[in-house]
């Protein structure tokens, strides 16, 4: 549905998003362009609400978990090809993946 006035009062429109992105100290270290990040965070809308921003900001926790998981999988299976074969053979979904990542 449409956002209410309180949501849009603190929203950042597309034409100002580059300032937000460039203010982030890690912006230069990420491969993503500010335009792509805007589309992802705004979910295709013309602005990013505070709620959407906070949700995206929390993704750093997911990123850390993914990095840890990838390192574990590499440690136990050696190469990307071996990891992929293992995951295909053990298609137990997220539960299986998390079990592997927490060994």
Protein backbone atom coordinates (compact mmCIF):
# COMPACT_ATOMS: atom_id res chain seq x y z
CA UNK A 1 0.00 0.00 0.00
CA UNK A 2 0.87 3.65 -0.05
CA UNK A 3 3.07 4.97 2.72
CA UNK A 4 1.54 7.41 5.18
CA UNK A 5 2.67 11.01 5.68
CA UNK A 6 4.85 10.19 8.70
CA UNK A 7 6.81 7.63 6.63
CA UNK A 8 7.49 10.02 3.77
CA UNK A 9 8.32 12.98 6.05
CA UNK A 10 11.69 11.37 6.76
CA UNK A 11 12.20 9.78 3.35
CA UNK A 12 15.18 10.35 1.08
CA UNK A 13 14.27 10.82 -2.60
CA UNK A 14 16.35 9.35 -5.43
CA UNK A 15 17.99 12.66 -6.36
CA UNK A 16 19.43 12.99 -2.82
CA UNK A 17 20.40 9.39 -2.19
CA UNK A 18 23.93 9.82 -3.57
CA UNK A 19 24.68 12.18 -0.65
CA UNK A 20 23.55 9.56 1.86
CA UNK A 21 25.58 6.84 0.14
CA UNK A 22 28.73 8.95 -0.16
CA UNK A 23 28.52 9.94 3.52
CA UNK A 24 28.94 6.28 4.48
CA UNK A 25 32.65 5.59 5.14
CA UNK A 26 32.47 2.16 3.49
CA UNK A 27 30.87 3.39 0.26
CA UNK A 28 34.17 3.43 -1.62
CA UNK A 29 34.98 -0.13 -0.53
CA UNK A 30 31.72 -1.62 -1.80
CA UNK A 31 31.29 -2.64 -5.41
CA UNK A 32 27.71 -1.36 -5.50
CA UNK A 33 26.81 1.93 -7.12
CA UNK A 34 24.57 4.28 -5.15
CA UNK A 35 21.88 3.96 -7.84
CA UNK A 36 21.73 0.18 -7.45
CA UNK A 37 21.64 0.43 -3.68
CA UNK A 38 18.79 2.95 -3.89
CA UNK A 39 16.70 0.64 -6.09
CA UNK A 40 17.32 -2.28 -3.73
CA UNK A 41 16.57 -0.41 -0.51
CA UNK A 42 13.60 1.53 -1.89
CA UNK A 43 12.17 -1.66 -3.40
CA UNK A 44 11.59 0.22 -6.64
CA UNK A 45 9.95 3.26 -5.07
CA UNK A 46 11.02 6.87 -5.64
CA UNK A 47 12.32 7.35 -2.10
CA UNK A 48 13.84 5.43 0.82
CA UNK A 49 11.85 5.60 4.03
CA UNK A 50 13.50 5.60 7.45
CA UNK A 51 12.08 2.13 8.08
CA UNK A 52 13.57 0.77 4.83
CA UNK A 53 16.92 2.42 5.63
CA UNK A 54 17.06 0.86 9.10
CA UNK A 55 16.14 -2.54 7.68
CA UNK A 56 18.92 -2.29 5.08
CA UNK A 57 21.40 -1.01 7.66
CA UNK A 58 20.77 -4.16 9.72
CA UNK A 59 21.88 -6.32 6.77
CA UNK A 60 25.48 -5.90 7.92
CA UNK A 61 24.71 -8.66 10.43
CA UNK A 62 23.61 -10.94 7.61
CA UNK A 63 26.73 -10.07 5.64
CA UNK A 64 28.95 -11.07 8.56
CA UNK A 65 27.12 -14.37 8.92
CA UNK A 66 27.44 -15.07 5.19
CA UNK A 67 31.17 -14.34 5.30
CA UNK A 68 31.58 -16.71 8.24
CA UNK A 69 29.50 -19.38 6.55
CA UNK A 70 31.43 -19.10 3.28
CA UNK A 71 34.72 -19.41 5.16
CA UNK A 72 33.48 -22.53 6.97
CA UNK A 73 32.25 -24.15 3.77
CA UNK A 74 35.57 -23.39 2.06
CA UNK A 75 37.48 -24.77 5.02
CA UNK A 76 35.66 -28.10 4.93
CA UNK A 77 35.24 -28.49 1.17
CA UNK A 78 38.31 -26.81 -0.34
CA UNK A 79 37.05 -25.09 -3.48
CA UNK A 80 33.96 -23.35 -4.81
CA UNK A 81 33.30 -26.32 -7.09
CA UNK A 82 33.45 -28.79 -4.18
CA UNK A 83 31.20 -26.59 -2.04
CA UNK A 84 28.67 -26.32 -4.88
CA UNK A 85 28.69 -30.11 -5.39
CA UNK A 86 28.19 -30.65 -1.69
CA UNK A 87 25.29 -28.19 -1.50
CA UNK A 88 23.64 -29.75 -4.55
CA UNK A 89 23.96 -33.24 -3.09
CA UNK A 90 22.63 -32.13 0.30
CA UNK A 91 19.76 -29.89 -0.73
CA UNK A 92 18.26 -29.72 2.76
CA UNK A 93 17.47 -26.04 2.48
CA UNK A 94 18.45 -23.33 4.92
CA UNK A 95 18.51 -25.71 7.89
CA UNK A 96 21.17 -27.89 6.25
CA UNK A 97 23.17 -24.84 5.22
CA UNK A 98 23.14 -23.37 8.73
CA UNK A 99 24.06 -26.73 10.23
CA UNK A 100 27.11 -26.81 7.94
CA UNK A 101 28.08 -23.26 8.76
CA UNK A 102 28.02 -23.81 12.50
CA UNK A 103 30.31 -26.84 12.66
